[in-house]
Amino acid sequence: MPVKAITPDYRGDMKDRLENFHGNQVVYVGWDHHLMFCAPFAYPLPPEMPFEALANDVMPEAFSLHPEWSKVDLKKATWLLDGLPFAPDFNQSLQAQGIGHKSVLRFCTPELKGFAGAGV
């Protein structure tokens, strides 16, 4: 997202540049309609990480706090990548699927409506 400086001569050091993450890239992951999580989680991940490792090893660390997480089948979820429909290949790397630095992944589980239906 572009940022407009208040003054035309402002020069800042961007701290979230890719080269500042020691070979990792920041990937944001959010679960739509599940209001227990107010915003996507930010993960520093290696671009070579298979999507399956993101789904099985990384995402449960935060999302498993939700009471409905045990009912989630991420292979049946619908996905968006940077706002566009996305069908992840769980065997391919993040990078091979166009998931880059500061990409936003969102998934939706239509059969789950948030805790006690709060996400409707």
PDB file of N, CA and C in Angstrom:
ATOM      1  N   MET A   1       0.839  -1.166   0.000  1.00  0.00           N
ATOM      2  CA  MET A   1       0.000   0.000   0.000  1.00  0.00           C
ATOM      3  C   MET A   1       0.887   1.233   0.000  1.00  0.00           C
ATOM      4  N   PRO A   2       0.693   2.123  -0.949  1.00  0.00           N
ATOM      5  CA  PRO A   2       1.511   3.336  -0.971  1.00  0.00           C
ATOM      6  C   PRO A   2       1.173   4.264   0.186  1.00  0.00           C
ATOM      7  N   VAL A   3       2.177   4.945   0.632  1.00  0.00           N
ATOM      8  CA  VAL A   3       2.010   5.910   1.717  1.00  0.00           C
ATOM      9  C   VAL A   3       2.435   7.267   1.200  1.00  0.00           C
ATOM     10  N   LYS A   4       1.627   8.281   1.485  1.00  0.00           N
ATOM     11  CA  LYS A   4       1.957   9.636   1.063  1.00  0.00           C
ATOM     12  C   LYS A   4       2.500  10.396   2.263  1.00  0.00           C
ATOM     13  N   ALA A   5       3.677  10.945   2.109  1.00  0.00           N
ATOM     14  CA  ALA A   5       4.308  11.711   3.196  1.00  0.00           C
ATOM     15  C   ALA A   5       3.599  13.041   3.385  1.00  0.00           C
ATOM     16  N   ILE A   6       3.671  13.543   4.587  1.00  0.00           N
ATOM     17  CA  ILE A   6       3.052  14.835   4.909  1.00  0.00           C
ATOM     18  C   ILE A   6       3.824  15.973   4.247  1.00  0.00           C
ATOM     19  N   THR A   7       5.129  15.840   4.158  1.00  0.00           N
ATOM     20  CA  THR A   7       5.942  16.872   3.529  1.00  0.00           C
ATOM     21  C   THR A   7       6.624  16.282   2.288  1.00  0.00           C
ATOM     22  N   PRO A   8       6.796  17.083   1.246  1.00  0.00           N
ATOM     23  CA  PRO A   8       7.368  16.564   0.000  1.00  0.00           C
ATOM     24  C   PRO A   8       8.839  16.143   0.121  1.00  0.00           C
ATOM     25  N   ASP A   9       9.560  16.648   1.113  1.00  0.00           N
ATOM     26  CA  ASP A   9      10.983  16.318   1.236  1.00  0.00           C
ATOM     27  C   ASP A   9      11.252  15.186   2.231  1.00  0.00           C
ATOM     28  N   TYR A  10      10.193  14.513   2.709  1.00  0.00           N
ATOM     29  CA  TYR A  10      10.381  13.430   3.681  1.00  0.00           C
ATOM     30  C   TYR A  10      11.114  12.263   3.030  1.00  0.00           C
ATOM     31  N   ARG A  11      12.112  11.766   3.726  1.00  0.00           N
ATOM     32  CA  ARG A  11      12.860  10.583   3.284  1.00  0.00           C
ATOM     33  C   ARG A  11      12.962   9.657   4.481  1.00  0.00           C
ATOM     34  N   GLY A  12      12.339   8.509   4.389  1.00  0.00           N
ATOM     35  CA  GLY A  12      12.360   7.563   5.499  1.00  0.00           C
ATOM     36  C   GLY A  12      13.025   6.264   5.091  1.00  0.00           C
ATOM     37  N   ASP A  13      13.482   5.543   6.072  1.00  0.00           N
ATOM     38  CA  ASP A  13      14.077   4.231   5.853  1.00  0.00           C
ATOM     39  C   ASP A  13      12.985   3.193   6.047  1.00  0.00           C
ATOM     40  N   MET A  14      12.595   2.519   4.974  1.00  0.00           N
ATOM     41  CA  MET A  14      11.540   1.516   5.033  1.00  0.00           C
ATOM     42  C   MET A  14      12.066   0.283   5.765  1.00  0.00           C
ATOM     43  N   LYS A  15      11.532   0.014   6.929  1.00  0.00           N
ATOM     44  CA  LYS A  15      11.999  -1.100   7.755  1.00  0.00           C
ATOM     45  C   LYS A  15      11.443  -2.448   7.311  1.00  0.00           C
ATOM     46  N   ASP A  16      10.376  -2.442   6.498  1.00  0.00           N
ATOM     47  CA  ASP A  16       9.777  -3.711   6.102  1.00  0.00           C
ATOM     48  C   ASP A  16      10.189  -4.159   4.696  1.00  0.00           C
ATOM     49  N   ARG A  17      11.331  -3.671   4.232  1.00  0.00           N
ATOM     50  CA  ARG A  17      11.848  -4.110   2.932  1.00  0.00           C
ATOM     51  C   ARG A  17      12.232  -5.584   2.999  1.00  0.00           C
ATOM     52  N   LEU A  18      12.107  -6.274   1.889  1.00  0.00           N
ATOM     53  CA  LEU A  18      12.411  -7.696   1.799  1.00  0.00           C
ATOM     54  C   LEU A  18      13.807  -8.018   2.312  1.00  0.00           C
ATOM     55  N   GLU A  19      14.778  -7.205   1.985  1.00  0.00           N
ATOM     56  CA  GLU A  19      16.162  -7.490   2.383  1.00  0.00           C
ATOM     57  C   GLU A  19      16.382  -7.417   3.892  1.00  0.00           C
ATOM     58  N   ASN A  20      15.431  -6.896   4.629  1.00  0.00           N
ATOM     59  CA  ASN A  20      15.549  -6.827   6.083  1.00  0.00           C
ATOM     60  C   ASN A  20      15.050  -8.082   6.795  1.00  0.00           C
ATOM     61  N   PHE A  21      14.608  -9.083   6.055  1.00  0.00           N
ATOM     62  CA  PHE A  21      14.019 -10.268   6.662  1.00  0.00           C
ATOM     63  C   PHE A  21      14.892 -11.512   6.528  1.00  0.00           C
ATOM     64  N   HIS A  22      16.164 -11.343   6.224  1.00  0.00           N
ATOM     65  CA  HIS A  22      17.157 -12.422   6.268  1.00  0.00           C
ATOM     66  C   HIS A  22      16.733 -13.663   5.491  1.00  0.00           C
ATOM     67  N   GLY A  23      16.263 -13.460   4.269  1.00  0.00           N
ATOM     68  CA  GLY A  23      15.876 -14.580   3.414  1.00  0.00           C
ATOM     69  C   GLY A  23      14.410 -14.958   3.512  1.00  0.00           C
ATOM     70  N   ASN A  24      13.720 -14.391   4.472  1.00  0.00           N
ATOM     71  CA  ASN A  24      12.286 -14.642   4.596  1.00  0.00           C
ATOM     72  C   ASN A  24      11.504 -13.534   3.912  1.00  0.00           C
ATOM     73  N   GLN A  25      10.223 -13.745   3.764  1.00  0.00           N
ATOM     74  CA  GLN A  25       9.314 -12.723   3.269  1.00  0.00           C
ATOM     75  C   GLN A  25       8.114 -12.687   4.210  1.00  0.00           C
ATOM     76  N   VAL A  26       7.516 -11.536   4.368  1.00  0.00           N
ATOM     77  CA  VAL A  26       6.347 -11.419   5.227  1.00  0.00           C
ATOM     78  C   VAL A  26       5.117 -11.814   4.415  1.00  0.00           C
ATOM     79  N   VAL A  27       4.333 -12.734   4.978  1.00  0.00           N
ATOM     80  CA  VAL A  27       3.075 -13.156   4.371  1.00  0.00           C
ATOM     81  C   VAL A  27       1.986 -12.973   5.427  1.00  0.00           C
ATOM     82  N   TYR A  28       0.924 -12.286   5.043  1.00  0.00           N
ATOM     83  CA  TYR A  28      -0.208 -12.059   5.932  1.00  0.00           C
ATOM     84  C   TYR A  28      -1.270 -13.116   5.638  1.00  0.00           C
ATOM     85  N   VAL A  29      -1.850 -13.708   6.702  1.00  0.00           N
ATOM     86  CA  VAL A  29      -2.872 -14.735   6.533  1.00  0.00           C
ATOM     87  C   VAL A  29      -4.058 -14.400   7.430  1.00  0.00           C
ATOM     88  N   GLY A  30      -5.235 -14.315   6.816  1.00  0.00           N
ATOM     89  CA  GLY A  30      -6.444 -14.013   7.567  1.00  0.00           C
ATOM     90  C   GLY A  30      -7.552 -15.000   7.290  1.00  0.00           C
ATOM     91  N   TRP A  31      -8.397 -15.209   8.283  1.00  0.00           N
ATOM     92  CA  TRP A  31      -9.544 -16.115   8.194  1.00  0.00           C
ATOM     93  C   TRP A  31     -10.798 -15.259   8.160  1.00  0.00           C
ATOM     94  N   ASP A  32     -11.413 -15.158   7.008  1.00  0.00           N
ATOM     95  CA  ASP A  32     -12.585 -14.301   6.833  1.00  0.00           C
ATOM     96  C   ASP A  32     -13.749 -14.752   7.708  1.00  0.00           C
ATOM     97  N   HIS A  33     -14.469 -13.782   8.227  1.00  0.00           N
ATOM     98  CA  HIS A  33     -15.692 -13.965   9.015  1.00  0.00           C
ATOM     99  C   HIS A  33     -15.449 -14.589  10.389  1.00  0.00           C
ATOM    100  N   HIS A  34     -14.246 -14.597  10.833  1.00  0.00           N
ATOM    101  CA  HIS A  34     -13.938 -15.123  12.157  1.00  0.00           C
ATOM    102  C   HIS A  34     -13.356 -13.980  12.991  1.00  0.00           C
ATOM    103  N   LEU A  35     -14.255 -13.319  13.664  1.00  0.00           N
ATOM    104  CA  LEU A  35     -13.957 -12.043  14.297  1.00  0.00           C
ATOM    105  C   LEU A  35     -13.112 -12.159  15.560  1.00  0.00           C
ATOM    106  N   MET A  36     -12.812 -13.380  15.970  1.00  0.00           N
ATOM    107  CA  MET A  36     -11.889 -13.544  17.094  1.00  0.00           C
ATOM    108  C   MET A  36     -10.511 -12.996  16.724  1.00  0.00           C
ATOM    109  N   PHE A  37     -10.232 -12.966  15.409  1.00  0.00           N
ATOM    110  CA  PHE A  37      -8.966 -12.443  14.898  1.00  0.00           C
ATOM    111  C   PHE A  37      -9.277 -11.164  14.130  1.00  0.00           C
ATOM    112  N   CYS A  38      -8.855 -10.042  14.653  1.00  0.00           N
ATOM    113  CA  CYS A  38      -9.255  -8.755  14.084  1.00  0.00           C
ATOM    114  C   CYS A  38      -8.510  -8.400  12.800  1.00  0.00           C
ATOM    115  N   ALA A  39      -7.398  -9.057  12.547  1.00  0.00           N
ATOM    116  CA  ALA A  39      -6.590  -8.728  11.375  1.00  0.00           C
ATOM    117  C   ALA A  39      -5.792  -9.972  10.971  1.00  0.00           C
ATOM    118  N   PRO A  40      -5.305 -10.001   9.745  1.00  0.00           N
ATOM    119  CA  PRO A  40      -4.465 -11.128   9.343  1.00  0.00           C
ATOM    120  C   PRO A  40      -3.202 -11.214  10.207  1.00  0.00           C
ATOM    121  N   PHE A  41      -2.736 -12.424  10.405  1.00  0.00           N
ATOM    122  CA  PHE A  41      -1.473 -12.643  11.102  1.00  0.00           C
ATOM    123  C   PHE A  41      -0.328 -12.433  10.118  1.00  0.00           C
ATOM    124  N   ALA A  42       0.776 -11.900  10.592  1.00  0.00           N
ATOM    125  CA  ALA A  42       1.963 -11.675   9.764  1.00  0.00           C
ATOM    126  C   ALA A  42       3.004 -12.731  10.109  1.00  0.00           C
ATOM    127  N   TYR A  43       3.473 -13.440   9.091  1.00  0.00           N
ATOM    128  CA  TYR A  43       4.462 -14.487   9.288  1.00  0.00           C
ATOM    129  C   TYR A  43       5.698 -14.223   8.425  1.00  0.00           C
ATOM    130  N   PRO A  44       6.896 -14.267   8.998  1.00  0.00           N
ATOM    131  CA  PRO A  44       8.115 -14.225   8.170  1.00  0.00           C
ATOM    132  C   PRO A  44       8.418 -15.657   7.714  1.00  0.00           C
ATOM    133  N   LEU A  45       8.289 -15.900   6.424  1.00  0.00           N
ATOM    134  CA  LEU A  45       8.393 -17.265   5.896  1.00  0.00           C
ATOM    135  C   LEU A  45       9.411 -17.344   4.768  1.00  0.00           C
ATOM    136  N   PRO A  46      10.097 -18.482   4.663  1.00  0.00           N
ATOM    137  CA  PRO A  46      10.988 -18.651   3.518  1.00  0.00           C
ATOM    138  C   PRO A  46      10.167 -18.821   2.237  1.00  0.00           C
ATOM    139  N   PRO A  47      10.548 -18.168   1.165  1.00  0.00           N
ATOM    140  CA  PRO A  47       9.792 -18.287  -0.084  1.00  0.00           C
ATOM    141  C   PRO A  47       9.695 -19.723  -0.595  1.00  0.00           C
ATOM    142  N   GLU A  48      10.675 -20.558  -0.219  1.00  0.00           N
ATOM    143  CA  GLU A  48      10.698 -21.952  -0.683  1.00  0.00           C
ATOM    144  C   GLU A  48       9.769 -22.862   0.129  1.00  0.00           C
ATOM    145  N   MET A  49       9.164 -22.343   1.181  1.00  0.00           N
ATOM    146  CA  MET A  49       8.291 -23.165   2.026  1.00  0.00           C
ATOM    147  C   MET A  49       7.123 -23.702   1.206  1.00  0.00           C
ATOM    148  N   PRO A  50       6.873 -25.007   1.286  1.00  0.00           N
ATOM    149  CA  PRO A  50       5.681 -25.535   0.611  1.00  0.00           C
ATOM    150  C   PRO A  50       4.412 -25.005   1.283  1.00  0.00           C
ATOM    151  N   PHE A  51       3.380 -24.816   0.501  1.00  0.00           N
ATOM    152  CA  PHE A  51       2.116 -24.320   1.047  1.00  0.00           C
ATOM    153  C   PHE A  51       1.613 -25.253   2.147  1.00  0.00           C
ATOM    154  N   GLU A  52       1.836 -26.544   1.990  1.00  0.00           N
ATOM    155  CA  GLU A  52       1.405 -27.513   3.002  1.00  0.00           C
ATOM    156  C   GLU A  52       2.037 -27.224   4.362  1.00  0.00           C
ATOM    157  N   ALA A  53       3.287 -26.807   4.386  1.00  0.00           N
ATOM    158  CA  ALA A  53       3.944 -26.480   5.654  1.00  0.00           C
ATOM    159  C   ALA A  53       3.309 -25.233   6.274  1.00  0.00           C
ATOM    160  N   LEU A  54       2.950 -24.268   5.454  1.00  0.00           N
ATOM    161  CA  LEU A  54       2.244 -23.102   5.967  1.00  0.00           C
ATOM    162  C   LEU A  54       0.930 -23.539   6.611  1.00  0.00           C
ATOM    163  N   ALA A  55       0.174 -24.367   5.904  1.00  0.00           N
ATOM    164  CA  ALA A  55      -1.135 -24.803   6.384  1.00  0.00           C
ATOM    165  C   ALA A  55      -1.046 -25.691   7.623  1.00  0.00           C
ATOM    166  N   ASN A  56      -0.104 -26.605   7.645  1.00  0.00           N
ATOM    167  CA  ASN A  56      -0.058 -27.606   8.717  1.00  0.00           C
ATOM    168  C   ASN A  56       0.843 -27.249   9.887  1.00  0.00           C
ATOM    169  N   ASP A  57       1.874 -26.459   9.636  1.00  0.00           N
ATOM    170  CA  ASP A  57       2.860 -26.181  10.683  1.00  0.00           C
ATOM    171  C   ASP A  57       2.816 -24.747  11.211  1.00  0.00           C
ATOM    172  N   VAL A  58       2.456 -23.806  10.359  1.00  0.00           N
ATOM    173  CA  VAL A  58       2.512 -22.393  10.741  1.00  0.00           C
ATOM    174  C   VAL A  58       1.146 -21.875  11.206  1.00  0.00           C
ATOM    175  N   MET A  59       0.144 -22.037  10.375  1.00  0.00           N
ATOM    176  CA  MET A  59      -1.167 -21.460  10.669  1.00  0.00           C
ATOM    177  C   MET A  59      -1.795 -21.964  11.973  1.00  0.00           C
ATOM    178  N   PRO A  60      -1.683 -23.250  12.310  1.00  0.00           N
ATOM    179  CA  PRO A  60      -2.316 -23.717  13.554  1.00  0.00           C
ATOM    180  C   PRO A  60      -1.794 -23.022  14.809  1.00  0.00           C
ATOM    181  N   GLU A  61      -0.573 -22.521  14.766  1.00  0.00           N
ATOM    182  CA  GLU A  61      -0.008 -21.850  15.944  1.00  0.00           C
ATOM    183  C   GLU A  61      -0.934 -20.742  16.440  1.00  0.00           C
ATOM    184  N   ALA A  62      -1.521 -19.994  15.546  1.00  0.00           N
ATOM    185  CA  ALA A  62      -2.406 -18.900  15.941  1.00  0.00           C
ATOM    186  C   ALA A  62      -3.879 -19.285  15.803  1.00  0.00           C
ATOM    187  N   PHE A  63      -4.251 -19.857  14.671  1.00  0.00           N
ATOM    188  CA  PHE A  63      -5.662 -20.105  14.401  1.00  0.00           C
ATOM    189  C   PHE A  63      -6.264 -21.201  15.276  1.00  0.00           C
ATOM    190  N   SER A  64      -5.455 -22.088  15.807  1.00  0.00           N
ATOM    191  CA  SER A  64      -6.002 -23.174  16.632  1.00  0.00           C
ATOM    192  C   SER A  64      -6.583 -22.661  17.952  1.00  0.00           C
ATOM    193  N   LEU A  65      -6.353 -21.405  18.270  1.00  0.00           N
ATOM    194  CA  LEU A  65      -6.977 -20.813  19.456  1.00  0.00           C
ATOM    195  C   LEU A  65      -8.493 -20.662  19.280  1.00  0.00           C
ATOM    196  N   HIS A  66      -8.943 -20.682  18.030  1.00  0.00           N
ATOM    197  CA  HIS A  66     -10.364 -20.543  17.743  1.00  0.00           C
ATOM    198  C   HIS A  66     -11.069 -21.882  17.978  1.00  0.00           C
ATOM    199  N   PRO A  67     -12.229 -21.881  18.641  1.00  0.00           N
ATOM    200  CA  PRO A  67     -12.929 -23.135  18.928  1.00  0.00           C
ATOM    201  C   PRO A  67     -13.339 -23.942  17.695  1.00  0.00           C
ATOM    202  N   GLU A  68     -13.465 -23.300  16.530  1.00  0.00           N
ATOM    203  CA  GLU A  68     -13.868 -24.020  15.318  1.00  0.00           C
ATOM    204  C   GLU A  68     -12.700 -24.549  14.500  1.00  0.00           C
ATOM    205  N   TRP A  69     -11.468 -24.239  14.890  1.00  0.00           N
ATOM    206  CA  TRP A  69     -10.314 -24.604  14.069  1.00  0.00           C
ATOM    207  C   TRP A  69     -10.263 -26.104  13.769  1.00  0.00           C
ATOM    208  N   SER A  70     -10.619 -26.941  14.707  1.00  0.00           N
ATOM    209  CA  SER A  70     -10.542 -28.392  14.489  1.00  0.00           C
ATOM    210  C   SER A  70     -11.489 -28.861  13.389  1.00  0.00           C
ATOM    211  N   LYS A  71     -12.458 -28.042  13.011  1.00  0.00           N
ATOM    212  CA  LYS A  71     -13.414 -28.390  11.957  1.00  0.00           C
ATOM    213  C   LYS A  71     -12.960 -27.907  10.572  1.00  0.00           C
ATOM    214  N   VAL A  72     -11.877 -27.171  10.513  1.00  0.00           N
ATOM    215  CA  VAL A  72     -11.421 -26.562   9.256  1.00  0.00           C
ATOM    216  C   VAL A  72     -10.689 -27.589   8.392  1.00  0.00           C
ATOM    217  N   ASP A  73     -11.062 -27.625   7.120  1.00  0.00           N
ATOM    218  CA  ASP A  73     -10.322 -28.380   6.116  1.00  0.00           C
ATOM    219  C   ASP A  73      -9.800 -27.350   5.114  1.00  0.00           C
ATOM    220  N   LEU A  74      -8.532 -26.987   5.238  1.00  0.00           N
ATOM    221  CA  LEU A  74      -7.980 -25.927   4.397  1.00  0.00           C
ATOM    222  C   LEU A  74      -7.951 -26.285   2.918  1.00  0.00           C
ATOM    223  N   LYS A  75      -8.027 -27.566   2.607  1.00  0.00           N
ATOM    224  CA  LYS A  75      -8.072 -27.959   1.194  1.00  0.00           C
ATOM    225  C   LYS A  75      -9.453 -27.717   0.588  1.00  0.00           C
ATOM    226  N   LYS A  76     -10.459 -27.542   1.435  1.00  0.00           N
ATOM    227  CA  LYS A  76     -11.813 -27.239   0.953  1.00  0.00           C
ATOM    228  C   LYS A  76     -12.144 -25.758   1.094  1.00  0.00           C
ATOM    229  N   ALA A  77     -11.294 -25.011   1.748  1.00  0.00           N
ATOM    230  CA  ALA A  77     -11.539 -23.580   1.934  1.00  0.00           C
ATOM    231  C   ALA A  77     -11.436 -22.857   0.596  1.00  0.00           C
ATOM    232  N   THR A  78     -12.084 -21.702   0.524  1.00  0.00           N
ATOM    233  CA  THR A  78     -11.872 -20.827  -0.626  1.00  0.00           C
ATOM    234  C   THR A  78     -10.815 -19.814  -0.222  1.00  0.00           C
ATOM    235  N   TRP A  79      -9.980 -19.430  -1.178  1.00  0.00           N
ATOM    236  CA  TRP A  79      -8.810 -18.597  -0.889  1.00  0.00           C
ATOM    237  C   TRP A  79      -8.781 -17.365  -1.784  1.00  0.00           C
ATOM    238  N   LEU A  80      -8.201 -16.311  -1.247  1.00  0.00           N
ATOM    239  CA  LEU A  80      -7.844 -15.117  -2.013  1.00  0.00           C
ATOM    240  C   LEU A  80      -6.363 -14.859  -1.803  1.00  0.00           C
ATOM    241  N   LEU A  81      -5.691 -14.475  -2.859  1.00  0.00           N
ATOM    242  CA  LEU A  81      -4.295 -14.043  -2.779  1.00  0.00           C
ATOM    243  C   LEU A  81      -4.244 -12.620  -3.298  1.00  0.00           C
ATOM    244  N   ASP A  82      -3.900 -11.709  -2.425  1.00  0.00           N
ATOM    245  CA  ASP A  82      -3.849 -10.293  -2.771  1.00  0.00           C
ATOM    246  C   ASP A  82      -5.155  -9.833  -3.419  1.00  0.00           C
ATOM    247  N   GLY A  83      -6.276 -10.321  -2.881  1.00  0.00           N
ATOM    248  CA  GLY A  83      -7.596  -9.895  -3.316  1.00  0.00           C
ATOM    249  C   GLY A  83      -8.179 -10.629  -4.500  1.00  0.00           C
ATOM    250  N   LEU A  84      -7.443 -11.577  -5.065  1.00  0.00           N
ATOM    251  CA  LEU A  84      -7.918 -12.318  -6.231  1.00  0.00           C
ATOM    252  C   LEU A  84      -8.117 -13.787  -5.874  1.00  0.00           C
ATOM    253  N   PRO A  85      -9.101 -14.455  -6.509  1.00  0.00           N
ATOM    254  CA  PRO A  85      -9.304 -15.879  -6.243  1.00  0.00           C
ATOM    255  C   PRO A  85      -8.014 -16.670  -6.457  1.00  0.00           C
ATOM    256  N   PHE A  86      -7.805 -17.639  -5.588  1.00  0.00           N
ATOM    257  CA  PHE A  86      -6.549 -18.389  -5.566  1.00  0.00           C
ATOM    258  C   PHE A  86      -6.842 -19.831  -5.184  1.00  0.00           C
ATOM    259  N   ALA A  87      -6.260 -20.758  -5.922  1.00  0.00           N
ATOM    260  CA  ALA A  87      -6.370 -22.186  -5.608  1.00  0.00           C
ATOM    261  C   ALA A  87      -4.966 -22.684  -5.273  1.00  0.00           C
ATOM    262  N   PRO A  88      -4.635 -22.785  -3.987  1.00  0.00           N
ATOM    263  CA  PRO A  88      -3.274 -23.180  -3.625  1.00  0.00           C
ATOM    264  C   PRO A  88      -2.967 -24.617  -4.006  1.00  0.00           C
ATOM    265  N   ASP A  89      -1.736 -24.833  -4.420  1.00  0.00           N
ATOM    266  CA  ASP A  89      -1.210 -26.172  -4.623  1.00  0.00           C
ATOM    267  C   ASP A  89      -0.397 -26.462  -3.374  1.00  0.00           C
ATOM    268  N   PHE A  90      -0.861 -27.366  -2.564  1.00  0.00           N
ATOM    269  CA  PHE A  90      -0.247 -27.629  -1.266  1.00  0.00           C
ATOM    270  C   PHE A  90       1.155 -28.217  -1.385  1.00  0.00           C
ATOM    271  N   ASN A  91       1.508 -28.719  -2.575  1.00  0.00           N
ATOM    272  CA  ASN A  91       2.837 -29.300  -2.779  1.00  0.00           C
ATOM    273  C   ASN A  91       3.852 -28.311  -3.332  1.00  0.00           C
ATOM    274  N   GLN A  92       3.402 -27.168  -3.793  1.00  0.00           N
ATOM    275  CA  GLN A  92       4.289 -26.165  -4.385  1.00  0.00           C
ATOM    276  C   GLN A  92       4.725 -25.139  -3.333  1.00  0.00           C
ATOM    277  N   SER A  93       5.835 -24.487  -3.611  1.00  0.00           N
ATOM    278  CA  SER A  93       6.334 -23.457  -2.689  1.00  0.00           C
ATOM    279  C   SER A  93       5.468 -22.208  -2.763  1.00  0.00           C
ATOM    280  N   LEU A  94       5.592 -21.392  -1.762  1.00  0.00           N
ATOM    281  CA  LEU A  94       4.891 -20.111  -1.748  1.00  0.00           C
ATOM    282  C   LEU A  94       5.285 -19.295  -2.973  1.00  0.00           C
ATOM    283  N   GLN A  95       6.588 -19.182  -3.184  1.00  0.00           N
ATOM    284  CA  GLN A  95       7.120 -18.374  -4.284  1.00  0.00           C
ATOM    285  C   GLN A  95       6.619 -18.865  -5.644  1.00  0.00           C
ATOM    286  N   ALA A  96       6.588 -20.184  -5.841  1.00  0.00           N
ATOM    287  CA  ALA A  96       6.162 -20.745  -7.123  1.00  0.00           C
ATOM    288  C   ALA A  96       4.706 -20.419  -7.436  1.00  0.00           C
ATOM    289  N   GLN A  97       3.937 -20.067  -6.404  1.00  0.00           N
ATOM    290  CA  GLN A  97       2.521 -19.762  -6.596  1.00  0.00           C
ATOM    291  C   GLN A  97       2.231 -18.270  -6.589  1.00  0.00           C
ATOM    292  N   GLY A  98       3.298 -17.474  -6.594  1.00  0.00           N
ATOM    293  CA  GLY A  98       3.120 -16.023  -6.643  1.00  0.00           C
ATOM    294  C   GLY A  98       2.873 -15.374  -5.296  1.00  0.00           C
ATOM    295  N   ILE A  99       3.121 -16.104  -4.232  1.00  0.00           N
ATOM    296  CA  ILE A  99       2.981 -15.538  -2.889  1.00  0.00           C
ATOM    297  C   ILE A  99       4.304 -14.867  -2.567  1.00  0.00           C
ATOM    298  N   GLY A 100       4.292 -13.560  -2.541  1.00  0.00           N
ATOM    299  CA  GLY A 100       5.526 -12.800  -2.375  1.00  0.00           C
ATOM    300  C   GLY A 100       5.556 -12.013  -1.078  1.00  0.00           C
ATOM    301  N   HIS A 101       6.555 -11.164  -0.979  1.00  0.00           N
ATOM    302  CA  HIS A 101       6.737 -10.326   0.202  1.00  0.00           C
ATOM    303  C   HIS A 101       5.536  -9.396   0.375  1.00  0.00           C
ATOM    304  N   LYS A 102       4.926  -9.451   1.530  1.00  0.00           N
ATOM    305  CA  LYS A 102       3.765  -8.668   1.925  1.00  0.00           C
ATOM    306  C   LYS A 102       2.493  -9.075   1.192  1.00  0.00           C
ATOM    307  N   SER A 103       2.461 -10.304   0.656  1.00  0.00           N
ATOM    308  CA  SER A 103       1.219 -10.823   0.090  1.00  0.00           C
ATOM    309  C   SER A 103       0.220 -11.062   1.210  1.00  0.00           C
ATOM    310  N   VAL A 104      -1.058 -10.971   0.848  1.00  0.00           N
ATOM    311  CA  VAL A 104      -2.137 -11.235   1.797  1.00  0.00           C
ATOM    312  C   VAL A 104      -2.921 -12.447   1.314  1.00  0.00           C
ATOM    313  N   LEU A 105      -2.901 -13.494   2.122  1.00  0.00           N
ATOM    314  CA  LEU A 105      -3.705 -14.696   1.879  1.00  0.00           C
ATOM    315  C   LEU A 105      -4.904 -14.638   2.802  1.00  0.00           C
ATOM    316  N   ARG A 106      -6.093 -14.833   2.243  1.00  0.00           N
ATOM    317  CA  ARG A 106      -7.305 -14.900   3.061  1.00  0.00           C
ATOM    318  C   ARG A 106      -8.006 -16.197   2.699  1.00  0.00           C
ATOM    319  N   PHE A 107      -8.534 -16.863   3.722  1.00  0.00           N
ATOM    320  CA  PHE A 107      -9.294 -18.063   3.442  1.00  0.00           C
ATOM    321  C   PHE A 107     -10.662 -17.948   4.090  1.00  0.00           C
ATOM    322  N   CYS A 108     -11.626 -18.632   3.468  1.00  0.00           N
ATOM    323  CA  CYS A 108     -12.999 -18.603   3.928  1.00  0.00           C
ATOM    324  C   CYS A 108     -13.480 -20.036   4.075  1.00  0.00           C
ATOM    325  N   THR A 109     -14.157 -20.300   5.160  1.00  0.00           N
ATOM    326  CA  THR A 109     -14.746 -21.611   5.418  1.00  0.00           C
ATOM    327  C   THR A 109     -16.258 -21.399   5.489  1.00  0.00           C
ATOM    328  N   PRO A 110     -16.943 -21.479   4.340  1.00  0.00           N
ATOM    329  CA  PRO A 110     -18.369 -21.127   4.298  1.00  0.00           C
ATOM    330  C   PRO A 110     -19.245 -21.930   5.257  1.00  0.00           C
ATOM    331  N   GLU A 111     -18.815 -23.135   5.572  1.00  0.00           N
ATOM    332  CA  GLU A 111     -19.619 -23.958   6.478  1.00  0.00           C
ATOM    333  C   GLU A 111     -19.465 -23.540   7.942  1.00  0.00           C
ATOM    334  N   LEU A 112     -18.475 -22.716   8.227  1.00  0.00           N
ATOM    335  CA  LEU A 112     -18.244 -22.221   9.584  1.00  0.00           C
ATOM    336  C   LEU A 112     -18.492 -20.717   9.597  1.00  0.00           C
ATOM    337  N   LYS A 113     -19.308 -20.269  10.507  1.00  0.00           N
ATOM    338  CA  LYS A 113     -19.734 -18.866  10.530  1.00  0.00           C
ATOM    339  C   LYS A 113     -19.150 -18.077  11.677  1.00  0.00           C
ATOM    340  N   GLY A 114     -18.039 -18.510  12.220  1.00  0.00           N
ATOM    341  CA  GLY A 114     -17.449 -17.827  13.366  1.00  0.00           C
ATOM    342  C   GLY A 114     -18.052 -18.355  14.658  1.00  0.00           C
ATOM    343  N   PHE A 115     -17.387 -18.126  15.748  1.00  0.00           N
ATOM    344  CA  PHE A 115     -17.834 -18.640  17.045  1.00  0.00           C
ATOM    345  C   PHE A 115     -19.261 -18.188  17.332  1.00  0.00           C
ATOM    346  N   ALA A 116     -20.136 -19.150  17.567  1.00  0.00           N
ATOM    347  CA  ALA A 116     -21.562 -18.884  17.859  1.00  0.00           C
ATOM    348  C   ALA A 116     -22.218 -18.046  16.761  1.00  0.00           C
ATOM    349  N   GLY A 117     -21.739 -18.192  15.514  1.00  0.00           N
ATOM    350  CA  GLY A 117     -22.326 -17.483  14.379  1.00  0.00           C
ATOM    351  C   GLY A 117     -21.970 -16.013  14.303  1.00  0.00           C
ATOM    352  N   ALA A 118     -20.981 -15.574  15.050  1.00  0.00           N
ATOM    353  CA  ALA A 118     -20.641 -14.150  15.122  1.00  0.00           C
ATOM    354  C   ALA A 118     -20.071 -13.590  13.825  1.00  0.00           C
ATOM    355  N   GLY A 119     -19.624 -14.442  12.921  1.00  0.00           N
ATOM    356  CA  GLY A 119     -19.015 -13.949  11.697  1.00  0.00           C
ATOM    357  C   GLY A 119     -19.968 -13.745  10.553  1.00  0.00           C
ATOM    358  N   VAL A 120     -21.246 -13.959  10.773  1.00  0.00           N
ATOM    359  CA  VAL A 120     -22.233 -13.841   9.705  1.00  0.00           C
ATOM    360  C   VAL A 120     -22.387 -12.393   9.302  1.00  0.00           C
TER     361      VAL A 120
END
